C-alpha atoms as a PDB file:
ATOM      1  CA  UNK A   1      62.434 -52.007 -68.325  1.00  0.00           C
ATOM      2  CA  UNK A   2      59.968 -49.414 -69.646  1.00  0.00           C
ATOM      3  CA  UNK A   3      62.410 -46.497 -70.111  1.00  0.00           C
ATOM      4  CA  UNK A   4      65.172 -47.303 -72.588  1.00  0.00           C
ATOM      5  CA  UNK A   5      68.595 -45.653 -72.486  1.00  0.00           C
ATOM      6  CA  UNK A   6      69.729 -44.708 -75.978  1.00  0.00           C
ATOM      7  CA  UNK A   7      73.100 -43.852 -77.457  1.00  0.00           C
ATOM      8  CA  UNK A   8      74.496 -43.128 -80.909  1.00  0.00           C
ATOM      9  CA  UNK A   9      74.578 -46.860 -81.733  1.00  0.00           C
ATOM     10  CA  UNK A  10      70.903 -47.644 -81.026  1.00  0.00           C
ATOM     11  CA  UNK A  11      69.184 -44.258 -81.483  1.00  0.00           C
ATOM     12  CA  UNK A  12      67.987 -44.698 -85.091  1.00  0.00           C
ATOM     13  CA  UNK A  13      66.901 -48.277 -84.455  1.00  0.00           C
ATOM     14  CA  UNK A  14      64.841 -47.125 -81.461  1.00  0.00           C
ATOM     15  CA  UNK A  15      63.053 -44.530 -83.618  1.00  0.00           C
ATOM     16  CA  UNK A  16      61.980 -47.397 -85.879  1.00  0.00           C
ATOM     17  CA  UNK A  17      60.892 -49.660 -83.035  1.00  0.00           C
ATOM     18  CA  UNK A  18      57.667 -47.839 -82.161  1.00  0.00           C
ATOM     19  CA  UNK A  19      55.380 -45.462 -84.031  1.00  0.00           C
ATOM     20  CA  UNK A  20      55.595 -42.958 -81.138  1.00  0.00           C
ATOM     21  CA  UNK A  21      58.933 -42.298 -79.440  1.00  0.00           C
ATOM     22  CA  UNK A  22      59.648 -39.748 -76.703  1.00  0.00           C
ATOM     23  CA  UNK A  23      63.299 -38.935 -76.030  1.00  0.00           C
ATOM     24  CA  UNK A  24      64.360 -37.222 -72.805  1.00  0.00           C
ATOM     25  CA  UNK A  25      67.729 -35.523 -73.364  1.00  0.00           C
ATOM     26  CA  UNK A  26      69.348 -35.072 -69.970  1.00  0.00           C
ATOM     27  CA  UNK A  27      72.589 -35.043 -67.956  1.00  0.00           C
ATOM     28  CA  UNK A  28      73.527 -36.370 -64.529  1.00  0.00           C
ATOM     29  CA  UNK A  29      74.572 -32.930 -63.225  1.00  0.00           C
ATOM     30  CA  UNK A  30      71.297 -31.229 -64.287  1.00  0.00           C
ATOM     31  CA  UNK A  31      68.934 -30.683 -61.320  1.00  0.00           C
ATOM     32  CA  UNK A  32      65.798 -30.106 -63.440  1.00  0.00           C
ATOM     33  CA  UNK A  33      66.670 -33.253 -65.436  1.00  0.00           C
ATOM     34  CA  UNK A  34      66.898 -35.289 -62.247  1.00  0.00           C
ATOM     35  CA  UNK A  35      63.547 -33.898 -61.062  1.00  0.00           C
ATOM     36  CA  UNK A  36      61.958 -35.368 -64.216  1.00  0.00           C
ATOM     37  CA  UNK A  37      63.248 -38.924 -63.587  1.00  0.00           C
ATOM     38  CA  UNK A  38      60.255 -40.172 -61.535  1.00  0.00           C
ATOM     39  CA  UNK A  39      57.768 -38.653 -64.008  1.00  0.00           C
ATOM     40  CA  UNK A  40      59.552 -40.063 -67.063  1.00  0.00           C
ATOM     41  CA  UNK A  41      59.878 -43.499 -65.415  1.00  0.00           C
ATOM     42  CA  UNK A  42      56.182 -43.558 -64.452  1.00  0.00           C
ATOM     43  CA  UNK A  43      54.982 -42.426 -67.893  1.00  0.00           C
ATOM     44  CA  UNK A  44      57.345 -44.904 -69.562  1.00  0.00           C
ATOM     45  CA  UNK A  45      55.785 -47.744 -67.576  1.00  0.00           C
ATOM     46  CA  UNK A  46      52.221 -46.532 -68.265  1.00  0.00           C
ATOM     47  CA  UNK A  47      52.762 -46.263 -72.010  1.00  0.00           C
ATOM     48  CA  UNK A  48      54.696 -49.514 -72.414  1.00  0.00           C
ATOM     49  CA  UNK A  49      53.460 -51.194 -75.586  1.00  0.00           C
ATOM     50  CA  UNK A  50      51.913 -47.942 -76.865  1.00  0.00           C
ATOM     51  CA  UNK A  51      54.905 -45.593 -77.031  1.00  0.00           C
ATOM     52  CA  UNK A  52      58.639 -45.886 -76.428  1.00  0.00           C
ATOM     53  CA  UNK A  53      59.920 -43.558 -73.715  1.00  0.00           C
ATOM     54  CA  UNK A  54      63.693 -43.199 -73.872  1.00  0.00           C
ATOM     55  CA  UNK A  55      66.551 -41.207 -72.377  1.00  0.00           C
ATOM     56  CA  UNK A  56      69.750 -39.894 -73.930  1.00  0.00           C
ATOM     57  CA  UNK A  57      72.571 -38.636 -71.731  1.00  0.00           C
ATOM     58  CA  UNK A  58      73.877 -35.613 -73.677  1.00  0.00           C
ATOM     59  CA  UNK A  59      77.323 -35.775 -72.017  1.00  0.00           C
ATOM     60  CA  UNK A  60      77.817 -39.353 -73.220  1.00  0.00           C
ATOM     61  CA  UNK A  61      76.163 -38.774 -76.642  1.00  0.00           C
ATOM     62  CA  UNK A  62      77.138 -35.287 -77.885  1.00  0.00           C
ATOM     63  CA  UNK A  63      76.434 -36.291 -81.511  1.00  0.00           C
ATOM     64  CA  UNK A  64      72.722 -36.713 -80.768  1.00  0.00           C
ATOM     65  CA  UNK A  65      72.616 -33.453 -78.809  1.00  0.00           C
ATOM     66  CA  UNK A  66      74.273 -31.676 -81.727  1.00  0.00           C
ATOM     67  CA  UNK A  67      71.985 -33.291 -84.308  1.00  0.00           C
ATOM     68  CA  UNK A  68      68.910 -31.885 -82.528  1.00  0.00           C
ATOM     69  CA  UNK A  69      70.504 -28.522 -81.603  1.00  0.00           C
ATOM     70  CA  UNK A  70      70.179 -29.084 -77.879  1.00  0.00           C
ATOM     71  CA  UNK A  71      71.058 -25.852 -76.080  1.00  0.00           C
ATOM     72  CA  UNK A  72      69.181 -26.395 -72.807  1.00  0.00           C
ATOM     73  CA  UNK A  73      68.199 -29.514 -70.925  1.00  0.00           C
ATOM     74  CA  UNK A  74      66.029 -31.252 -70.146  1.00  0.00           C
ATOM     75  CA  UNK A  75      64.757 -31.309 -73.712  1.00  0.00           C
ATOM     76  CA  UNK A  76      62.079 -33.713 -74.867  1.00  0.00           C
ATOM     77  CA  UNK A  77      61.755 -34.794 -78.490  1.00  0.00           C
ATOM     78  CA  UNK A  78      58.494 -36.327 -79.693  1.00  0.00           C
ATOM     79  CA  UNK A  79      58.648 -38.539 -82.782  1.00  0.00           C
ATOM     80  CA  UNK A  80      55.824 -40.121 -84.760  1.00  0.00           C
ATOM     81  CA  UNK A  81      56.796 -42.617 -87.464  1.00  0.00           C
ATOM     82  CA  UNK A  82      60.482 -41.526 -87.214  1.00  0.00           C
ATOM     83  CA  UNK A  83      59.567 -37.866 -87.842  1.00  0.00           C
ATOM     84  CA  UNK A  84      60.203 -35.179 -85.213  1.00  0.00           C
ATOM     85  CA  UNK A  85      56.769 -33.734 -84.394  1.00  0.00           C
ATOM     86  CA  UNK A  86      57.360 -31.685 -81.239  1.00  0.00           C
ATOM     87  CA  UNK A  87      60.051 -30.414 -78.867  1.00  0.00           C
ATOM     88  CA  UNK A  88      59.762 -29.260 -75.284  1.00  0.00           C
ATOM     89  CA  UNK A  89      62.563 -27.561 -73.351  1.00  0.00           C
ATOM     90  CA  UNK A  90      62.467 -27.638 -69.569  1.00  0.00           C
ATOM     91  CA  UNK A  91      60.513 -29.592 -67.013  1.00  0.00           C
ATOM     92  CA  UNK A  92      56.837 -30.412 -67.376  1.00  0.00           C
ATOM     93  CA  UNK A  93      54.137 -32.025 -65.332  1.00  0.00           C
ATOM     94  CA  UNK A  94      53.131 -35.637 -65.793  1.00  0.00           C
ATOM     95  CA  UNK A  95      49.794 -34.529 -67.271  1.00  0.00           C
ATOM     96  CA  UNK A  96      51.486 -32.322 -69.901  1.00  0.00           C
ATOM     97  CA  UNK A  97      53.879 -35.117 -70.880  1.00  0.00           C
ATOM     98  CA  UNK A  98      50.992 -37.576 -71.203  1.00  0.00           C
ATOM     99  CA  UNK A  99      48.887 -35.163 -73.259  1.00  0.00           C
ATOM    100  CA  UNK A 100      51.794 -34.620 -75.678  1.00  0.00           C
ATOM    101  CA  UNK A 101      52.155 -38.395 -76.089  1.00  0.00           C
ATOM    102  CA  UNK A 102      48.395 -38.888 -76.406  1.00  0.00           C
ATOM    103  CA  UNK A 103      48.255 -36.310 -79.219  1.00  0.00           C
ATOM    104  CA  UNK A 104      50.570 -38.542 -81.264  1.00  0.00           C
ATOM    105  CA  UNK A 105      48.912 -41.887 -80.544  1.00  0.00           C
END
């Protein structure tokens, strides 16, 4: 499974598992979040072995949402070597998501 679902128990371990990690913070009730699912799934599959693409449901994991000051979703966090390098709030095209990942690889 290319896209990994994270929670408070496995979040920090996931950041250590790959040099580049992208986290999609989302919720089931969020229309824009749901519109990103096919893009995130496709990019996750394409970058398997190069970058970890993960999702965090903010309703089920409020601690993570609070830690990263999530006010609007979807929000994407881009980590390189466990360090937060970039944030993006809102939807984005597949090409923008890929270019953000490529800039960290």
